[in-house]
C-alpha atoms as a PDB file:
ATOM      1  CA  MET A   1     116.824   0.082 120.260  1.00  0.00           C
ATOM      2  CA  ALA A   2     116.087   3.759 120.073  1.00  0.00           C
ATOM      3  CA  SER A   3     113.207   4.712 117.827  1.00  0.00           C
ATOM      4  CA  MET A   4     113.870   6.915 114.754  1.00  0.00           C
ATOM      5  CA  PRO A   5     112.668  10.465 115.158  1.00  0.00           C
ATOM      6  CA  ALA A   6     109.409  10.917 113.031  1.00  0.00           C
ATOM      7  CA  GLU A   7     110.060  12.517 109.693  1.00  0.00           C
ATOM      8  CA  LYS A   8     108.399  15.754 108.994  1.00  0.00           C
ATOM      9  CA  PRO A   9     105.655  15.539 106.355  1.00  0.00           C
ATOM     10  CA  GLU A  10     107.058  16.479 102.992  1.00  0.00           C
ATOM     11  CA  THR A  11     105.882  19.828 101.581  1.00  0.00           C
ATOM     12  CA  ARG A  12     106.073  20.876  98.117  1.00  0.00           C
ATOM     13  CA  PRO A  13     108.345  23.807  97.910  1.00  0.00           C
ATOM     14  CA  TYR A  14     107.323  26.810  95.770  1.00  0.00           C
ATOM     15  CA  HIS A  15     108.738  30.199  94.942  1.00  0.00           C
ATOM     16  CA  HIS A  16     106.786  33.004  96.348  1.00  0.00           C
ATOM     17  CA  GLY A  17     106.472  34.685  93.026  1.00  0.00           C
ATOM     18  CA  ASP A  18     104.980  31.625  91.307  1.00  0.00           C
ATOM     19  CA  LEU A  19     102.295  31.032  94.006  1.00  0.00           C
ATOM     20  CA  ARG A  20      99.837  33.377  92.477  1.00  0.00           C
ATOM     21  CA  SER A  21     100.241  32.005  88.990  1.00  0.00           C
ATOM     22  CA  ALA A  22      99.913  28.508  90.260  1.00  0.00           C
ATOM     23  CA  LEU A  23      96.646  29.239  92.181  1.00  0.00           C
ATOM     24  CA  LEU A  24      95.181  30.904  89.041  1.00  0.00           C
ATOM     25  CA  ALA A  25      96.180  27.933  86.759  1.00  0.00           C
ATOM     26  CA  ALA A  26      94.620  25.599  89.267  1.00  0.00           C
ATOM     27  CA  ALA A  27      91.485  27.671  89.645  1.00  0.00           C
ATOM     28  CA  GLU A  28      91.006  27.597  85.830  1.00  0.00           C
ATOM     29  CA  ARG A  29      91.496  23.878  85.646  1.00  0.00           C
ATOM     30  CA  THR A  30      88.891  23.286  88.404  1.00  0.00           C
ATOM     31  CA  LEU A  31      86.572  25.788  86.608  1.00  0.00           C
ATOM     32  CA  ARG A  32      86.850  23.854  83.412  1.00  0.00           C
ATOM     33  CA  ASP A  33      86.471  20.571  85.137  1.00  0.00           C
ATOM     34  CA  ARG A  34      83.364  21.430  87.252  1.00  0.00           C
ATOM     35  CA  GLY A  35      81.908  24.152  85.172  1.00  0.00           C
ATOM     36  CA  THR A  36      81.010  26.760  87.843  1.00  0.00           C
ATOM     37  CA  ALA A  37      82.771  29.229  89.931  1.00  0.00           C
ATOM     38  CA  ALA A  38      80.797  28.125  92.989  1.00  0.00           C
ATOM     39  CA  SER A  39      82.950  25.035  93.070  1.00  0.00           C
ATOM     40  CA  LEU A  40      86.191  26.894  93.682  1.00  0.00           C
ATOM     41  CA  SER A  41      87.759  26.845  97.121  1.00  0.00           C
ATOM     42  CA  LEU A  42      90.937  28.506  98.107  1.00  0.00           C
ATOM     43  CA  ARG A  43      91.619  25.914 100.728  1.00  0.00           C
ATOM     44  CA  GLU A  44      91.138  23.177  98.211  1.00  0.00           C
ATOM     45  CA  LEU A  45      93.326  24.934  95.611  1.00  0.00           C
ATOM     46  CA  ALA A  46      96.083  25.240  98.211  1.00  0.00           C
ATOM     47  CA  ARG A  47      95.876  21.515  98.816  1.00  0.00           C
ATOM     48  CA  ASP A  48      96.006  20.687  95.187  1.00  0.00           C
ATOM     49  CA  ILE A  49      99.209  22.684  94.668  1.00  0.00           C
ATOM     50  CA  GLY A  50     100.775  21.489  97.822  1.00  0.00           C
ATOM     51  CA  VAL A  51     100.929  24.616 100.105  1.00  0.00           C
ATOM     52  CA  SER A  52      99.413  25.510 103.367  1.00  0.00           C
ATOM     53  CA  HIS A  53      95.756  26.541 103.403  1.00  0.00           C
ATOM     54  CA  ALA A  54      96.909  30.026 104.603  1.00  0.00           C
ATOM     55  CA  ALA A  55      99.341  30.542 101.717  1.00  0.00           C
ATOM     56  CA  PRO A  56      96.758  31.867  99.162  1.00  0.00           C
ATOM     57  CA  GLY A  57      96.029  34.801 101.453  1.00  0.00           C
ATOM     58  CA  ARG A  58      99.297  36.212 100.600  1.00  0.00           C
ATOM     59  CA  HIS A  59      97.854  37.044  97.073  1.00  0.00           C
ATOM     60  CA  PHE A  60      94.096  36.731  97.324  1.00  0.00           C
ATOM     61  CA  LYS A  61      92.210  38.080 100.439  1.00  0.00           C
ATOM     62  CA  ASP A  62      89.212  35.938  99.628  1.00  0.00           C
ATOM     63  CA  LYS A  63      87.588  33.836  97.005  1.00  0.00           C
ATOM     64  CA  GLN A  64      86.123  36.836  95.275  1.00  0.00           C
ATOM     65  CA  ALA A  65      89.462  38.386  94.753  1.00  0.00           C
ATOM     66  CA  LEU A  66      90.706  35.161  93.152  1.00  0.00           C
ATOM     67  CA  LEU A  67      87.650  35.128  90.790  1.00  0.00           C
ATOM     68  CA  ASN A  68      88.331  38.818  89.879  1.00  0.00           C
ATOM     69  CA  ALA A  69      91.953  37.959  89.034  1.00  0.00           C
ATOM     70  CA  LEU A  70      90.886  34.956  87.090  1.00  0.00           C
ATOM     71  CA  ALA A  71      88.507  37.087  85.069  1.00  0.00           C
ATOM     72  CA  LEU A  72      91.201  39.493  84.244  1.00  0.00           C
ATOM     73  CA  VAL A  73      93.420  36.658  82.962  1.00  0.00           C
ATOM     74  CA  GLY A  74      90.528  35.726  80.617  1.00  0.00           C
ATOM     75  CA  TYR A  75      90.120  39.307  79.361  1.00  0.00           C
ATOM     76  CA  ASP A  76      93.926  39.469  78.777  1.00  0.00           C
ATOM     77  CA  ARG A  77      93.712  36.200  76.770  1.00  0.00           C
ATOM     78  CA  MET A  78      90.731  37.268  74.738  1.00  0.00           C
ATOM     79  CA  ALA A  79      92.328  40.588  73.925  1.00  0.00           C
ATOM     80  CA  GLU A  80      95.523  38.877  72.632  1.00  0.00           C
ATOM     81  CA  VAL A  81      93.395  36.594  70.493  1.00  0.00           C
ATOM     82  CA  LEU A  82      91.422  39.647  68.915  1.00  0.00           C
ATOM     83  CA  GLU A  83      94.494  41.774  68.507  1.00  0.00           C
ATOM     84  CA  ALA A  84      96.195  39.001  66.764  1.00  0.00           C
ATOM     85  CA  ALA A  85      93.326  38.384  64.444  1.00  0.00           C
ATOM     86  CA  ASP A  86      92.657  42.031  63.600  1.00  0.00           C
ATOM     87  CA  ASP A  87      93.871  43.337  60.207  1.00  0.00           C
ATOM     88  CA  PRO A  88      92.870  47.018  59.535  1.00  0.00           C
ATOM     89  CA  GLY A  89      93.880  46.500  55.910  1.00  0.00           C
ATOM     90  CA  LEU A  90      91.023  44.273  55.229  1.00  0.00           C
ATOM     91  CA  PRO A  91      87.654  45.386  53.727  1.00  0.00           C
ATOM     92  CA  LEU A  92      85.145  45.838  56.498  1.00  0.00           C
ATOM     93  CA  GLN A  93      83.094  42.814  56.078  1.00  0.00           C
ATOM     94  CA  ASP A  94      86.216  40.624  55.917  1.00  0.00           C
ATOM     95  CA  ARG A  95      87.695  42.375  58.938  1.00  0.00           C
ATOM     96  CA  LEU A  96      84.539  41.903  61.057  1.00  0.00           C
ATOM     97  CA  THR A  97      84.238  38.333  59.928  1.00  0.00           C
ATOM     98  CA  THR A  98      87.814  37.639  60.984  1.00  0.00           C
ATOM     99  CA  LEU A  99      87.229  39.313  64.409  1.00  0.00           C
ATOM    100  CA  ALA A 100      83.922  37.410  64.880  1.00  0.00           C
ATOM    101  CA  ARG A 101      85.541  34.085  64.198  1.00  0.00           C
ATOM    102  CA  ALA A 102      88.287  34.859  66.565  1.00  0.00           C
ATOM    103  CA  TYR A 103      85.871  35.875  69.331  1.00  0.00           C
ATOM    104  CA  LEU A 104      83.676  32.747  68.606  1.00  0.00           C
ATOM    105  CA  GLY A 105      86.824  30.460  68.799  1.00  0.00           C
ATOM    106  CA  PHE A 106      87.803  31.949  72.134  1.00  0.00           C
ATOM    107  CA  ALA A 107      84.327  31.701  73.564  1.00  0.00           C
ATOM    108  CA  ILE A 108      83.805  27.985  72.636  1.00  0.00           C
ATOM    109  CA  ASP A 109      87.286  27.042  73.917  1.00  0.00           C
ATOM    110  CA  ASN A 110      86.921  28.996  77.268  1.00  0.00           C
ATOM    111  CA  ALA A 111      83.132  28.605  77.838  1.00  0.00           C
ATOM    112  CA  GLU A 112      83.409  28.408  81.779  1.00  0.00           C
ATOM    113  CA  LEU A 113      85.966  31.195  81.899  1.00  0.00           C
ATOM    114  CA  LEU A 114      83.795  33.416  79.728  1.00  0.00           C
ATOM    115  CA  GLU A 115      80.931  32.964  82.040  1.00  0.00           C
ATOM    116  CA  LEU A 116      83.057  34.114  84.886  1.00  0.00           C
ATOM    117  CA  MET A 117      84.350  37.171  82.968  1.00  0.00           C
ATOM    118  CA  TYR A 118      80.743  38.189  82.168  1.00  0.00           C
ATOM    119  CA  ALA A 119      79.548  37.823  85.796  1.00  0.00           C
ATOM    120  CA  ARG A 120      78.106  40.992  87.198  1.00  0.00           C
ATOM    121  CA  LYS A 121      79.582  40.664  90.605  1.00  0.00           C
ATOM    122  CA  HIS A 122      83.150  41.972  90.869  1.00  0.00           C
ATOM    123  CA  GLU A 123      84.441  43.662  93.975  1.00  0.00           C
ATOM    124  CA  PRO A 124      84.910  47.439  93.997  1.00  0.00           C
ATOM    125  CA  ASP A 125      88.657  47.191  94.082  1.00  0.00           C
ATOM    126  CA  ALA A 126      88.666  45.398  90.709  1.00  0.00           C
ATOM    127  CA  ALA A 127      85.961  47.266  88.985  1.00  0.00           C
ATOM    128  CA  GLU A 128      88.393  49.670  87.361  1.00  0.00           C
ATOM    129  CA  GLN A 129      90.748  46.958  86.183  1.00  0.00           C
ATOM    130  CA  ILE A 130      87.709  44.932  84.767  1.00  0.00           C
ATOM    131  CA  GLY A 131      86.580  48.033  83.030  1.00  0.00           C
ATOM    132  CA  VAL A 132      89.971  48.727  81.394  1.00  0.00           C
ATOM    133  CA  ALA A 133      90.052  44.942  80.386  1.00  0.00           C
ATOM    134  CA  ILE A 134      86.638  45.259  78.796  1.00  0.00           C
ATOM    135  CA  ASP A 135      87.638  48.226  76.878  1.00  0.00           C
ATOM    136  CA  ARG A 136      90.634  46.499  75.534  1.00  0.00           C
ATOM    137  CA  THR A 137      88.691  43.506  74.226  1.00  0.00           C
ATOM    138  CA  VAL A 138      85.785  45.488  72.806  1.00  0.00           C
ATOM    139  CA  GLY A 139      88.278  48.021  71.446  1.00  0.00           C
ATOM    140  CA  ALA A 140      89.164  45.838  68.512  1.00  0.00           C
ATOM    141  CA  LEU A 141      85.502  45.846  67.313  1.00  0.00           C
ATOM    142  CA  GLU A 142      84.930  49.375  68.087  1.00  0.00           C
ATOM    143  CA  ARG A 143      88.005  50.500  66.197  1.00  0.00           C
ATOM    144  CA  ALA A 144      86.790  48.442  63.074  1.00  0.00           C
ATOM    145  CA  VAL A 145      83.344  50.177  63.506  1.00  0.00           C
ATOM    146  CA  ALA A 146      84.872  53.741  63.941  1.00  0.00           C
ATOM    147  CA  ALA A 147      87.051  53.307  60.892  1.00  0.00           C
ATOM    148  CA  ALA A 148      84.386  52.162  58.789  1.00  0.00           C
ATOM    149  CA  GLN A 149      82.170  55.125  59.814  1.00  0.00           C
ATOM    150  CA  GLN A 150      85.054  57.551  58.833  1.00  0.00           C
ATOM    151  CA  ARG A 151      85.089  55.896  55.423  1.00  0.00           C
ATOM    152  CA  GLY A 152      81.380  56.165  55.028  1.00  0.00           C
ATOM    153  CA  GLU A 153      80.966  52.519  54.877  1.00  0.00           C
ATOM    154  CA  ILE A 154      78.332  52.319  57.635  1.00  0.00           C
ATOM    155  CA  VAL A 155      75.844  54.670  59.296  1.00  0.00           C
ATOM    156  CA  ASP A 156      76.882  57.453  61.516  1.00  0.00           C
ATOM    157  CA  GLY A 157      76.251  57.297  65.241  1.00  0.00           C
ATOM    158  CA  ASP A 158      77.964  56.397  68.584  1.00  0.00           C
ATOM    159  CA  PRO A 159      80.423  53.718  67.582  1.00  0.00           C
ATOM    160  CA  GLU A 160      80.213  52.302  71.151  1.00  0.00           C
ATOM    161  CA  HIS A 161      76.447  51.659  70.573  1.00  0.00           C
ATOM    162  CA  LEU A 162      77.073  50.070  67.192  1.00  0.00           C
ATOM    163  CA  THR A 163      79.700  47.932  68.642  1.00  0.00           C
ATOM    164  CA  LEU A 164      77.277  46.745  71.305  1.00  0.00           C
ATOM    165  CA  VAL A 165      74.879  45.647  68.669  1.00  0.00           C
ATOM    166  CA  VAL A 166      77.629  43.701  66.804  1.00  0.00           C
ATOM    167  CA  GLY A 167      79.004  42.254  70.102  1.00  0.00           C
ATOM    168  CA  THR A 168      75.459  41.205  71.052  1.00  0.00           C
ATOM    169  CA  ALA A 169      74.914  39.295  67.880  1.00  0.00           C
ATOM    170  CA  LEU A 170      78.357  37.576  68.045  1.00  0.00           C
ATOM    171  CA  HIS A 171      77.757  36.565  71.697  1.00  0.00           C
ATOM    172  CA  GLY A 172      74.395  35.128  70.870  1.00  0.00           C
ATOM    173  CA  LEU A 173      75.890  32.855  68.287  1.00  0.00           C
ATOM    174  CA  ALA A 174      78.680  31.887  70.621  1.00  0.00           C
ATOM    175  CA  SER A 175      76.126  31.027  73.275  1.00  0.00           C
ATOM    176  CA  PHE A 176      74.281  28.805  70.835  1.00  0.00           C
ATOM    177  CA  ALA A 177      77.478  26.958  70.169  1.00  0.00           C
ATOM    178  CA  ILE A 178      78.445  26.690  73.894  1.00  0.00           C
ATOM    179  CA  THR A 179      75.081  25.214  74.755  1.00  0.00           C
ATOM    180  CA  GLY A 180      74.960  22.739  71.909  1.00  0.00           C
ATOM    181  CA  LYS A 181      72.272  24.296  69.869  1.00  0.00           C
ATOM    182  CA  PHE A 182      74.923  24.740  67.177  1.00  0.00           C
ATOM    183  CA  THR A 183      77.987  22.521  66.515  1.00  0.00           C
ATOM    184  CA  THR A 184      81.146  24.373  66.567  1.00  0.00           C
ATOM    185  CA  GLU A 185      81.361  23.873  62.767  1.00  0.00           C
ATOM    186  CA  ALA A 186      77.954  25.131  62.122  1.00  0.00           C
ATOM    187  CA  ALA A 187      78.613  28.230  64.289  1.00  0.00           C
ATOM    188  CA  MET A 188      81.805  29.057  62.540  1.00  0.00           C
ATOM    189  CA  GLY A 189      80.095  28.505  59.214  1.00  0.00           C
ATOM    190  CA  ALA A 190      77.298  30.999  60.144  1.00  0.00           C
ATOM    191  CA  VAL A 191      79.646  33.894  61.024  1.00  0.00           C
ATOM    192  CA  ALA A 192      80.031  35.283  57.508  1.00  0.00           C
ATOM    193  CA  GLU A 193      76.333  35.351  57.024  1.00  0.00           C
ATOM    194  CA  LEU A 194      75.660  36.943  60.413  1.00  0.00           C
ATOM    195  CA  VAL A 195      78.196  39.645  59.578  1.00  0.00           C
ATOM    196  CA  HIS A 196      76.671  40.084  56.155  1.00  0.00           C
ATOM    197  CA  HIS A 197      73.249  40.571  57.685  1.00  0.00           C
ATOM    198  CA  LEU A 198      74.574  42.967  60.326  1.00  0.00           C
ATOM    199  CA  LEU A 199      75.999  45.174  57.562  1.00  0.00           C
ATOM    200  CA  TYR A 200      73.228  44.906  55.017  1.00  0.00           C
ATOM    201  CA  GLY A 201      70.126  44.072  57.003  1.00  0.00           C
ATOM    202  CA  LEU A 202      67.389  41.531  56.086  1.00  0.00           C
ATOM    203  CA  LYS A 203      65.261  43.522  53.780  1.00  0.00           C
ATOM    204  CA  PRO A 204      65.202  42.300  50.073  1.00  0.00           C
ATOM    205  CA  ARG A 205      67.368  44.614  47.955  1.00  0.00           C
END
């Protein structure tokens, strides 16, 4: 009896346009599961989504290119969160509090991705894109600060510098929540007081 020809191993079909998104989604899952970008491997991601180990090279020349793209995904997502939360019609304190809570929520829900976004190492080809993405996310806070200056609600000065002060305080609170020094509920509950002290200082009045 003639032997049957060996079947070719089954490969998972994919559409060329979907591979990049599939790799990014798989990379983010791995980042969440393992907590560090060092654990990411293009070869392993290719295996996870069922493509050849060479296939990721069509979209990412190396691991760093993938990390840069994933960081940009994070910035886009953060920008959407902040833009959706921003309400220029609110009084300054309420507006900043709303933005702060939106940022804090994003930071807590995307702790591993946030760490990647803030990593200093980005290849030169991505530096401009990263810069634009940062401007877009910081822009929501900076617009609130600049508008308040125009209305005489806060001190004059470089709005970018003042935004850095506000952002530093917010990120510090987010870091406490991410590392477990605050519960999520406690961190969210502290936002209003933090914004109040940023606007009015700690001196008795």
